[in-house]
Amino acid sequence: MRPCAFVTLKPGTADVAIADIIAFCRVHLARFKVPRDVVFGPLPKTSTGKIQKYLLREAAKDL
């Protein structure tokens, strides 16, 4: 299984490229934890505000 990052940008922030996120992770994370894929967009949440991880896993399978 390959690491994958799901990123939601705050409104009004500058645009960030996939290469920028991967470069940041290479500096701050162990080599095996650096994501190979980055997906931008809102995170699916439940009515109580928890992230629906099973939906993220399904989305990561398609990459």
N, C-alpha and C. Protein backbone atom coordinates (compact mmCIF):
# COMPACT_ATOMS: atom_id res chain seq x y z
N MET A 1 0.84 -1.18 0.00
CA MET A 1 0.00 0.00 0.00
C MET A 1 0.89 1.25 0.00
N ARG A 2 0.60 2.16 -0.89
CA ARG A 2 1.40 3.38 -1.02
C ARG A 2 0.80 4.50 -0.20
N PRO A 3 1.65 5.32 0.45
CA PRO A 3 1.11 6.45 1.21
C PRO A 3 0.47 7.47 0.27
N CYS A 4 -0.61 8.07 0.74
CA CYS A 4 -1.35 9.05 -0.03
C CYS A 4 -1.78 10.17 0.91
N ALA A 5 -1.68 11.41 0.46
CA ALA A 5 -2.07 12.55 1.28
C ALA A 5 -3.34 13.18 0.71
N PHE A 6 -4.30 13.43 1.58
CA PHE A 6 -5.51 14.15 1.21
C PHE A 6 -5.41 15.53 1.82
N VAL A 7 -5.46 16.57 0.99
CA VAL A 7 -5.20 17.93 1.44
C VAL A 7 -6.40 18.82 1.15
N THR A 8 -6.82 19.57 2.17
CA THR A 8 -7.85 20.58 2.02
C THR A 8 -7.22 21.93 2.32
N LEU A 9 -7.22 22.82 1.34
CA LEU A 9 -6.63 24.14 1.54
C LEU A 9 -7.65 25.08 2.15
N LYS A 10 -7.19 25.96 3.03
CA LYS A 10 -8.06 26.97 3.63
C LYS A 10 -8.39 28.02 2.58
N PRO A 11 -9.60 28.60 2.64
CA PRO A 11 -9.95 29.65 1.69
C PRO A 11 -9.02 30.85 1.85
N GLY A 12 -8.63 31.41 0.74
CA GLY A 12 -7.77 32.59 0.76
C GLY A 12 -6.29 32.29 0.85
N THR A 13 -5.90 31.01 0.86
CA THR A 13 -4.48 30.67 0.90
C THR A 13 -3.95 30.58 -0.53
N ALA A 14 -2.66 30.68 -0.64
CA ALA A 14 -2.02 30.59 -1.95
C ALA A 14 -2.15 29.17 -2.50
N ASP A 15 -2.09 29.05 -3.79
CA ASP A 15 -2.14 27.73 -4.42
C ASP A 15 -0.86 26.97 -4.10
N VAL A 16 -1.01 25.70 -3.86
CA VAL A 16 0.12 24.84 -3.52
C VAL A 16 0.18 23.73 -4.55
N ALA A 17 1.37 23.44 -5.02
CA ALA A 17 1.55 22.37 -6.00
C ALA A 17 1.81 21.05 -5.28
N ILE A 18 1.56 19.98 -5.98
CA ILE A 18 1.80 18.64 -5.44
C ILE A 18 3.28 18.48 -5.08
N ALA A 19 4.15 19.01 -5.92
CA ALA A 19 5.59 18.90 -5.66
C ALA A 19 5.99 19.62 -4.37
N ASP A 20 5.32 20.74 -4.06
CA ASP A 20 5.61 21.47 -2.83
C ASP A 20 5.27 20.64 -1.59
N ILE A 21 4.14 19.95 -1.63
CA ILE A 21 3.72 19.14 -0.49
C ILE A 21 4.65 17.94 -0.31
N ILE A 22 5.02 17.30 -1.41
CA ILE A 22 5.93 16.16 -1.32
C ILE A 22 7.30 16.61 -0.81
N ALA A 23 7.79 17.77 -1.27
CA ALA A 23 9.08 18.28 -0.80
C ALA A 23 9.03 18.60 0.69
N PHE A 24 7.93 19.18 1.17
CA PHE A 24 7.77 19.46 2.59
C PHE A 24 7.79 18.17 3.40
N CYS A 25 7.10 17.15 2.91
CA CYS A 25 7.04 15.87 3.62
C CYS A 25 8.40 15.19 3.65
N ARG A 26 9.19 15.34 2.59
CA ARG A 26 10.52 14.71 2.56
C ARG A 26 11.42 15.30 3.65
N VAL A 27 11.24 16.59 3.95
CA VAL A 27 12.05 17.24 4.97
C VAL A 27 11.59 16.83 6.37
N HIS A 28 10.27 16.70 6.57
CA HIS A 28 9.73 16.52 7.92
C HIS A 28 9.33 15.10 8.28
N LEU A 29 9.29 14.18 7.34
CA LEU A 29 8.85 12.81 7.61
C LEU A 29 9.94 11.81 7.25
N ALA A 30 9.80 10.62 7.79
CA ALA A 30 10.69 9.52 7.40
C ALA A 30 10.43 9.17 5.93
N ARG A 31 11.43 8.62 5.28
CA ARG A 31 11.33 8.35 3.84
C ARG A 31 10.15 7.46 3.48
N PHE A 32 9.87 6.45 4.29
CA PHE A 32 8.79 5.53 3.95
C PHE A 32 7.40 6.13 4.20
N LYS A 33 7.32 7.26 4.88
CA LYS A 33 6.04 7.91 5.16
C LYS A 33 5.68 8.99 4.14
N VAL A 34 6.60 9.35 3.27
CA VAL A 34 6.35 10.42 2.29
C VAL A 34 5.32 9.95 1.28
N PRO A 35 4.25 10.73 1.07
CA PRO A 35 3.20 10.31 0.14
C PRO A 35 3.68 10.34 -1.31
N ARG A 36 3.20 9.39 -2.07
CA ARG A 36 3.49 9.37 -3.50
C ARG A 36 2.39 10.07 -4.28
N ASP A 37 1.20 10.09 -3.73
CA ASP A 37 0.06 10.75 -4.37
C ASP A 37 -0.51 11.80 -3.43
N VAL A 38 -0.97 12.91 -4.00
CA VAL A 38 -1.61 13.97 -3.23
C VAL A 38 -2.94 14.28 -3.89
N VAL A 39 -4.01 14.30 -3.08
CA VAL A 39 -5.35 14.56 -3.59
C VAL A 39 -5.86 15.82 -2.91
N PHE A 40 -6.25 16.83 -3.71
CA PHE A 40 -6.80 18.07 -3.18
C PHE A 40 -8.32 18.00 -3.19
N GLY A 41 -8.93 18.56 -2.16
CA GLY A 41 -10.38 18.61 -2.11
C GLY A 41 -10.88 18.51 -0.68
N PRO A 42 -12.17 18.68 -0.49
CA PRO A 42 -12.72 18.59 0.85
C PRO A 42 -12.72 17.15 1.37
N LEU A 43 -12.57 16.99 2.66
CA LEU A 43 -12.58 15.67 3.28
C LEU A 43 -14.02 15.29 3.63
N PRO A 44 -14.42 14.06 3.34
CA PRO A 44 -15.78 13.63 3.71
C PRO A 44 -15.89 13.48 5.23
N LYS A 45 -16.92 14.11 5.80
CA LYS A 45 -17.10 14.08 7.26
C LYS A 45 -18.51 13.61 7.61
N THR A 46 -18.61 13.06 8.83
CA THR A 46 -19.91 12.65 9.35
C THR A 46 -20.62 13.88 9.91
N SER A 47 -21.84 13.69 10.40
CA SER A 47 -22.59 14.80 10.96
C SER A 47 -21.96 15.33 12.25
N THR A 48 -21.13 14.51 12.90
CA THR A 48 -20.46 14.97 14.12
C THR A 48 -19.08 15.55 13.84
N GLY A 49 -18.68 15.59 12.58
CA GLY A 49 -17.42 16.22 12.19
C GLY A 49 -16.22 15.29 12.09
N LYS A 50 -16.44 13.99 12.23
CA LYS A 50 -15.34 13.04 12.09
C LYS A 50 -15.11 12.72 10.62
N ILE A 51 -13.85 12.50 10.27
CA ILE A 51 -13.50 12.18 8.89
C ILE A 51 -13.88 10.73 8.59
N GLN A 52 -14.52 10.51 7.45
CA GLN A 52 -14.93 9.17 7.05
C GLN A 52 -13.76 8.49 6.34
N LYS A 53 -12.97 7.77 7.11
CA LYS A 53 -11.74 7.17 6.60
C LYS A 53 -12.00 6.10 5.55
N TYR A 54 -13.10 5.38 5.67
CA TYR A 54 -13.37 4.33 4.70
C TYR A 54 -13.58 4.91 3.30
N LEU A 55 -14.14 6.11 3.21
CA LEU A 55 -14.30 6.76 1.90
C LEU A 55 -12.93 7.19 1.34
N LEU A 56 -12.04 7.61 2.21
CA LEU A 56 -10.70 7.98 1.75
C LEU A 56 -9.93 6.75 1.27
N ARG A 57 -10.11 5.62 1.95
CA ARG A 57 -9.46 4.39 1.50
C ARG A 57 -9.96 3.96 0.13
N GLU A 58 -11.26 4.09 -0.10
CA GLU A 58 -11.82 3.74 -1.40
C GLU A 58 -11.29 4.66 -2.49
N ALA A 59 -11.15 5.93 -2.18
CA ALA A 59 -10.61 6.89 -3.15
C ALA A 59 -9.15 6.60 -3.44
N ALA A 60 -8.39 6.17 -2.43
CA ALA A 60 -6.97 5.88 -2.61
C ALA A 60 -6.76 4.63 -3.46
N LYS A 61 -7.71 3.68 -3.43
CA LYS A 61 -7.59 2.48 -4.26
C LYS A 61 -7.63 2.81 -5.74
N ASP A 62 -8.33 3.88 -6.10
CA ASP A 62 -8.47 4.25 -7.51
C ASP A 62 -7.23 4.95 -8.06
N LEU A 63 -6.29 5.33 -7.21
CA LEU A 63 -5.10 6.06 -7.67
C LEU A 63 -4.07 5.15 -8.25
